Amino acid sequence: MLNFLKQVGDYAKEAVQAGRYIGQGLSVTFDHMRRRPVTVQYPYEKLIPGERFRGRIHYEFDKCIACEVCVRVCPINLPVVDWEMDKVAKKKKLKHYSIDFGVCIFCGNCVEYCPTNCLSMTEEYELATYDRHELNYDSVALGRLPYKVTNDPMVTPLRELAYLPKGVMDPHGVPEEAPRAGSRPEDLVETEK
């Protein structure tokens, strides 16, 4: 009889605990149901990418010495470097440089290890095309100046939606000094020191 009562008691405890978990999940659901949806109207509004965003690679042809370090550090050996030896100057002469962004994983190793800093990551992320062969950028396309969201007069740049003050859903009219809902990454670094 005692064993039966213990089993009933354990079952009741587990049922209460399961009900508590279901209640916690439903509270999160109901909390989100009260909020207005936040949608970025993409062609006309764009989020400003973060400071360390890794977008399209910008390439400066004049700085490149054809050392092929970018090819060696790339996990998929992606950059194609075509050069010939200049016998008079006893130096490599770069003929062609290209990167296929349809294959690139945007790891940034080529930028980090480039000895002459001829490669840099930009905030350009709009690389969609109908033909995958258009994603193979040669040195001329890579040398194009990067597109900046903040410089486009037809687009409203938005600050990060994750750091809006509590209860504010429209990011357009938020003053710079308004308190944020969460801590920004730079604030967290300062508190850990």
C-alpha atoms as a PDB file:
ATOM      1  CA  MET A   1       0.000   0.000   0.000  1.00  0.00           C
ATOM      2  CA  LEU A   2       2.862   2.356   0.888  1.00  0.00           C
ATOM      3  CA  ASN A   3       4.557   1.660  -2.432  1.00  0.00           C
ATOM      4  CA  PHE A   4       1.351   2.489  -4.307  1.00  0.00           C
ATOM      5  CA  LEU A   5       0.999   5.858  -2.488  1.00  0.00           C
ATOM      6  CA  LYS A   6       4.648   6.668  -3.265  1.00  0.00           C
ATOM      7  CA  GLN A   7       4.035   5.973  -6.972  1.00  0.00           C
ATOM      8  CA  VAL A   8       0.917   8.184  -6.971  1.00  0.00           C
ATOM      9  CA  GLY A   9       2.849  10.960  -5.225  1.00  0.00           C
ATOM     10  CA  ASP A  10       5.726  10.749  -7.734  1.00  0.00           C
ATOM     11  CA  TYR A  11       3.245  10.789 -10.613  1.00  0.00           C
ATOM     12  CA  ALA A  12       1.527  13.877  -9.174  1.00  0.00           C
ATOM     13  CA  LYS A  13       4.887  15.672  -8.791  1.00  0.00           C
ATOM     14  CA  GLU A  14       5.840  14.888 -12.397  1.00  0.00           C
ATOM     15  CA  ALA A  15       2.424  16.054 -13.617  1.00  0.00           C
ATOM     16  CA  VAL A  16       2.796  19.368 -11.747  1.00  0.00           C
ATOM     17  CA  GLN A  17       6.321  19.816 -13.115  1.00  0.00           C
ATOM     18  CA  ALA A  18       5.115  19.077 -16.668  1.00  0.00           C
ATOM     19  CA  GLY A  19       2.312  21.609 -16.213  1.00  0.00           C
ATOM     20  CA  ARG A  20       4.857  24.197 -15.026  1.00  0.00           C
ATOM     21  CA  TYR A  21       7.010  23.620 -18.147  1.00  0.00           C
ATOM     22  CA  ILE A  22       3.975  23.928 -20.408  1.00  0.00           C
ATOM     23  CA  GLY A  23       2.995  27.142 -18.602  1.00  0.00           C
ATOM     24  CA  GLN A  24       6.497  28.584 -19.104  1.00  0.00           C
ATOM     25  CA  GLY A  25       6.363  27.804 -22.809  1.00  0.00           C
ATOM     26  CA  LEU A  26       2.901  29.299 -23.188  1.00  0.00           C
ATOM     27  CA  SER A  27       3.972  32.446 -21.316  1.00  0.00           C
ATOM     28  CA  VAL A  28       6.710  33.020 -23.906  1.00  0.00           C
ATOM     29  CA  THR A  29       4.178  32.407 -26.692  1.00  0.00           C
ATOM     30  CA  PHE A  30       1.634  34.814 -25.191  1.00  0.00           C
ATOM     31  CA  ASP A  31       4.369  37.420 -24.635  1.00  0.00           C
ATOM     32  CA  HIS A  32       5.218  37.330 -28.350  1.00  0.00           C
ATOM     33  CA  MET A  33       1.544  37.431 -29.338  1.00  0.00           C
ATOM     34  CA  ARG A  34       1.153  40.855 -27.681  1.00  0.00           C
ATOM     35  CA  ARG A  35       4.033  42.384 -29.656  1.00  0.00           C
ATOM     36  CA  ARG A  36       3.609  44.039 -33.003  1.00  0.00           C
ATOM     37  CA  PRO A  37       5.593  42.393 -35.792  1.00  0.00           C
ATOM     38  CA  VAL A  38       8.800  44.164 -36.807  1.00  0.00           C
ATOM     39  CA  THR A  39       9.392  43.860 -40.522  1.00  0.00           C
ATOM     40  CA  VAL A  40      12.143  45.573 -42.441  1.00  0.00           C
ATOM     41  CA  GLN A  41      10.708  46.800 -45.748  1.00  0.00           C
ATOM     42  CA  TYR A  42      13.746  45.446 -47.570  1.00  0.00           C
ATOM     43  CA  PRO A  43      14.258  47.362 -50.786  1.00  0.00           C
ATOM     44  CA  TYR A  44      13.465  50.673 -49.067  1.00  0.00           C
ATOM     45  CA  GLU A  45      14.792  49.971 -45.577  1.00  0.00           C
ATOM     46  CA  LYS A  46      17.994  48.116 -44.803  1.00  0.00           C
ATOM     47  CA  LEU A  47      19.713  47.197 -41.583  1.00  0.00           C
ATOM     48  CA  ILE A  48      23.208  48.621 -41.246  1.00  0.00           C
ATOM     49  CA  PRO A  49      25.627  45.673 -41.082  1.00  0.00           C
ATOM     50  CA  GLY A  50      27.811  45.319 -38.015  1.00  0.00           C
ATOM     51  CA  GLU A  51      31.326  46.683 -37.801  1.00  0.00           C
ATOM     52  CA  ARG A  52      32.930  43.287 -38.457  1.00  0.00           C
ATOM     53  CA  PHE A  53      30.439  42.149 -41.110  1.00  0.00           C
ATOM     54  CA  ARG A  54      32.035  39.974 -43.785  1.00  0.00           C
ATOM     55  CA  GLY A  55      30.505  40.811 -47.149  1.00  0.00           C
ATOM     56  CA  ARG A  56      31.902  41.006 -50.668  1.00  0.00           C
ATOM     57  CA  ILE A  57      35.698  41.175 -50.887  1.00  0.00           C
ATOM     58  CA  HIS A  58      37.222  44.385 -52.246  1.00  0.00           C
ATOM     59  CA  TYR A  59      40.493  43.953 -54.164  1.00  0.00           C
ATOM     60  CA  GLU A  60      43.153  46.529 -55.030  1.00  0.00           C
ATOM     61  CA  PHE A  61      45.046  45.365 -58.109  1.00  0.00           C
ATOM     62  CA  ASP A  62      47.983  47.768 -57.642  1.00  0.00           C
ATOM     63  CA  LYS A  63      48.922  46.417 -54.201  1.00  0.00           C
ATOM     64  CA  CYS A  64      48.878  42.718 -55.098  1.00  0.00           C
ATOM     65  CA  ILE A  65      52.293  41.047 -55.408  1.00  0.00           C
ATOM     66  CA  ALA A  66      50.926  37.643 -56.581  1.00  0.00           C
ATOM     67  CA  CYS A  67      52.298  35.863 -53.513  1.00  0.00           C
ATOM     68  CA  GLU A  68      49.305  33.454 -53.475  1.00  0.00           C
ATOM     69  CA  VAL A  69      49.024  33.514 -49.682  1.00  0.00           C
ATOM     70  CA  CYS A  70      45.275  34.041 -50.093  1.00  0.00           C
ATOM     71  CA  VAL A  71      45.023  30.786 -52.051  1.00  0.00           C
ATOM     72  CA  ARG A  72      47.026  28.824 -49.481  1.00  0.00           C
ATOM     73  CA  VAL A  73      44.999  30.015 -46.450  1.00  0.00           C
ATOM     74  CA  CYS A  74      41.619  29.634 -48.174  1.00  0.00           C
ATOM     75  CA  PRO A  75      39.867  26.467 -46.914  1.00  0.00           C
ATOM     76  CA  ILE A  76      38.667  25.728 -50.463  1.00  0.00           C
ATOM     77  CA  ASN A  77      41.598  27.184 -52.492  1.00  0.00           C
ATOM     78  CA  LEU A  78      39.213  29.668 -54.048  1.00  0.00           C
ATOM     79  CA  PRO A  79      41.066  32.746 -55.338  1.00  0.00           C
ATOM     80  CA  VAL A  80      42.494  32.221 -58.819  1.00  0.00           C
ATOM     81  CA  VAL A  81      45.812  34.030 -59.221  1.00  0.00           C
ATOM     82  CA  ASP A  82      47.363  34.051 -62.690  1.00  0.00           C
ATOM     83  CA  TRP A  83      50.844  35.554 -62.951  1.00  0.00           C
ATOM     84  CA  GLU A  84      53.946  35.428 -65.075  1.00  0.00           C
ATOM     85  CA  MET A  85      57.575  35.939 -64.145  1.00  0.00           C
ATOM     86  CA  ASP A  86      59.115  39.221 -65.265  1.00  0.00           C
ATOM     87  CA  LYS A  87      62.689  38.152 -65.998  1.00  0.00           C
ATOM     88  CA  VAL A  88      64.039  41.690 -66.212  1.00  0.00           C
ATOM     89  CA  ALA A  89      62.760  42.818 -62.805  1.00  0.00           C
ATOM     90  CA  LYS A  90      62.926  39.269 -61.369  1.00  0.00           C
ATOM     91  CA  LYS A  91      59.425  39.675 -59.909  1.00  0.00           C
ATOM     92  CA  LYS A  92      56.055  38.094 -60.423  1.00  0.00           C
ATOM     93  CA  LYS A  93      53.738  40.134 -62.628  1.00  0.00           C
ATOM     94  CA  LEU A  94      50.032  39.656 -61.918  1.00  0.00           C
ATOM     95  CA  LYS A  95      47.931  38.985 -65.002  1.00  0.00           C
ATOM     96  CA  HIS A  96      44.548  37.986 -63.590  1.00  0.00           C
ATOM     97  CA  TYR A  97      42.837  37.614 -60.188  1.00  0.00           C
ATOM     98  CA  SER A  98      39.327  36.290 -59.583  1.00  0.00           C
ATOM     99  CA  ILE A  99      37.072  34.977 -56.803  1.00  0.00           C
ATOM    100  CA  ASP A 100      33.852  32.996 -57.279  1.00  0.00           C
ATOM    101  CA  PHE A 101      31.379  34.225 -54.641  1.00  0.00           C
ATOM    102  CA  GLY A 102      29.044  31.342 -55.437  1.00  0.00           C
ATOM    103  CA  VAL A 103      31.588  29.079 -53.732  1.00  0.00           C
ATOM    104  CA  CYS A 104      33.150  31.508 -51.209  1.00  0.00           C
ATOM    105  CA  ILE A 105      32.257  30.872 -47.565  1.00  0.00           C
ATOM    106  CA  PHE A 106      33.203  34.443 -46.506  1.00  0.00           C
ATOM    107  CA  CYS A 107      35.574  33.255 -43.782  1.00  0.00           C
ATOM    108  CA  GLY A 108      37.905  36.237 -44.234  1.00  0.00           C
ATOM    109  CA  ASN A 109      41.161  34.244 -44.089  1.00  0.00           C
ATOM    110  CA  CYS A 110      42.393  35.757 -47.359  1.00  0.00           C
ATOM    111  CA  VAL A 111      41.868  39.267 -45.984  1.00  0.00           C
ATOM    112  CA  GLU A 112      43.486  38.499 -42.661  1.00  0.00           C
ATOM    113  CA  TYR A 113      46.645  36.906 -44.054  1.00  0.00           C
ATOM    114  CA  CYS A 114      47.238  39.157 -47.077  1.00  0.00           C
ATOM    115  CA  PRO A 115      50.708  40.687 -46.536  1.00  0.00           C
ATOM    116  CA  THR A 116      50.033  43.820 -48.619  1.00  0.00           C
ATOM    117  CA  ASN A 117      46.434  44.453 -47.456  1.00  0.00           C
ATOM    118  CA  CYS A 118      45.144  44.436 -51.007  1.00  0.00           C
ATOM    119  CA  LEU A 119      42.012  42.519 -49.895  1.00  0.00           C
ATOM    120  CA  SER A 120      39.329  43.836 -47.553  1.00  0.00           C
ATOM    121  CA  MET A 121      35.833  42.792 -46.518  1.00  0.00           C
ATOM    122  CA  THR A 122      32.988  45.192 -47.333  1.00  0.00           C
ATOM    123  CA  GLU A 123      29.437  45.517 -46.071  1.00  0.00           C
ATOM    124  CA  GLU A 124      28.008  44.644 -49.476  1.00  0.00           C
ATOM    125  CA  TYR A 125      25.765  41.601 -49.156  1.00  0.00           C
ATOM    126  CA  GLU A 126      23.477  41.883 -52.187  1.00  0.00           C
ATOM    127  CA  LEU A 127      25.128  39.342 -54.473  1.00  0.00           C
ATOM    128  CA  ALA A 128      22.032  37.525 -55.769  1.00  0.00           C
ATOM    129  CA  THR A 129      21.944  36.787 -59.505  1.00  0.00           C
ATOM    130  CA  TYR A 130      19.957  34.596 -61.861  1.00  0.00           C
ATOM    131  CA  ASP A 131      23.076  33.022 -63.342  1.00  0.00           C
ATOM    132  CA  ARG A 132      25.702  31.519 -61.038  1.00  0.00           C
ATOM    133  CA  HIS A 133      28.463  32.403 -63.500  1.00  0.00           C
ATOM    134  CA  GLU A 134      27.874  36.092 -62.746  1.00  0.00           C
ATOM    135  CA  LEU A 135      29.172  35.454 -59.215  1.00  0.00           C
ATOM    136  CA  ASN A 136      32.685  34.842 -60.565  1.00  0.00           C
ATOM    137  CA  TYR A 137      34.236  38.291 -60.022  1.00  0.00           C
ATOM    138  CA  ASP A 138      37.450  39.177 -61.842  1.00  0.00           C
ATOM    139  CA  SER A 139      39.923  41.840 -60.726  1.00  0.00           C
ATOM    140  CA  VAL A 140      37.849  44.626 -62.325  1.00  0.00           C
ATOM    141  CA  ALA A 141      34.616  43.620 -60.555  1.00  0.00           C
ATOM    142  CA  LEU A 142      36.473  43.043 -57.280  1.00  0.00           C
ATOM    143  CA  GLY A 143      38.031  46.491 -57.603  1.00  0.00           C
ATOM    144  CA  ARG A 144      34.641  48.234 -57.697  1.00  0.00           C
ATOM    145  CA  LEU A 145      34.190  50.516 -54.723  1.00  0.00           C
ATOM    146  CA  PRO A 146      32.035  48.837 -52.093  1.00  0.00           C
ATOM    147  CA  TYR A 147      28.355  49.707 -51.765  1.00  0.00           C
ATOM    148  CA  LYS A 148      27.425  51.415 -48.490  1.00  0.00           C
ATOM    149  CA  VAL A 149      23.885  51.264 -47.135  1.00  0.00           C
ATOM    150  CA  THR A 150      24.324  54.550 -45.297  1.00  0.00           C
ATOM    151  CA  ASN A 151      25.248  56.462 -48.494  1.00  0.00           C
ATOM    152  CA  ASP A 152      22.190  55.430 -50.545  1.00  0.00           C
ATOM    153  CA  PRO A 153      19.662  58.317 -50.557  1.00  0.00           C
ATOM    154  CA  MET A 154      16.823  56.018 -51.678  1.00  0.00           C
ATOM    155  CA  VAL A 155      17.198  53.699 -48.672  1.00  0.00           C
ATOM    156  CA  THR A 156      16.420  54.339 -45.024  1.00  0.00           C
ATOM    157  CA  PRO A 157      19.218  52.764 -42.964  1.00  0.00           C
ATOM    158  CA  LEU A 158      18.005  51.218 -39.702  1.00  0.00           C
ATOM    159  CA  ARG A 159      19.981  50.693 -36.550  1.00  0.00           C
ATOM    160  CA  GLU A 160      20.067  47.231 -35.020  1.00  0.00           C
ATOM    161  CA  LEU A 161      16.554  46.126 -34.040  1.00  0.00           C
ATOM    162  CA  ALA A 162      17.882  43.949 -31.215  1.00  0.00           C
ATOM    163  CA  TYR A 163      18.917  46.982 -29.184  1.00  0.00           C
ATOM    164  CA  LEU A 164      15.716  49.027 -29.369  1.00  0.00           C
ATOM    165  CA  PRO A 165      14.345  50.313 -26.032  1.00  0.00           C
ATOM    166  CA  LYS A 166      11.742  48.098 -24.385  1.00  0.00           C
ATOM    167  CA  GLY A 167       8.313  48.525 -25.903  1.00  0.00           C
ATOM    168  CA  VAL A 168       9.509  50.504 -28.961  1.00  0.00           C
ATOM    169  CA  MET A 169       8.745  48.863 -32.286  1.00  0.00           C
ATOM    170  CA  ASP A 170       9.493  51.700 -34.724  1.00  0.00           C
ATOM    171  CA  PRO A 171      13.260  52.186 -35.081  1.00  0.00           C
ATOM    172  CA  HIS A 172      13.014  55.441 -37.049  1.00  0.00           C
ATOM    173  CA  GLY A 173      12.329  57.928 -34.257  1.00  0.00           C
ATOM    174  CA  VAL A 174      14.556  56.513 -31.523  1.00  0.00           C
ATOM    175  CA  PRO A 175      17.018  59.100 -30.196  1.00  0.00           C
ATOM    176  CA  GLU A 176      20.650  58.078 -29.800  1.00  0.00           C
ATOM    177  CA  GLU A 177      20.606  58.499 -25.996  1.00  0.00           C
ATOM    178  CA  ALA A 178      17.520  56.308 -25.439  1.00  0.00           C
ATOM    179  CA  PRO A 179      18.125  53.404 -23.036  1.00  0.00           C
ATOM    180  CA  ARG A 180      18.568  50.054 -24.725  1.00  0.00           C
ATOM    181  CA  ALA A 181      16.799  46.820 -23.910  1.00  0.00           C
ATOM    182  CA  GLY A 182      20.011  44.806 -23.780  1.00  0.00           C
ATOM    183  CA  SER A 183      23.693  45.442 -23.401  1.00  0.00           C
ATOM    184  CA  ARG A 184      25.671  46.244 -26.509  1.00  0.00           C
ATOM    185  CA  PRO A 185      28.779  44.080 -27.162  1.00  0.00           C
ATOM    186  CA  GLU A 186      31.186  46.915 -26.369  1.00  0.00           C
ATOM    187  CA  ASP A 187      29.451  47.483 -22.997  1.00  0.00           C
ATOM    188  CA  LEU A 188      29.882  43.813 -22.099  1.00  0.00           C
ATOM    189  CA  VAL A 189      33.616  43.981 -22.861  1.00  0.00           C
ATOM    190  CA  GLU A 190      33.998  47.018 -20.578  1.00  0.00           C
ATOM    191  CA  THR A 191      32.214  45.297 -17.655  1.00  0.00           C
ATOM    192  CA  GLU A 192      34.422  42.184 -17.915  1.00  0.00           C
ATOM    193  CA  LYS A 193      37.643  44.202 -17.512  1.00  0.00           C
END
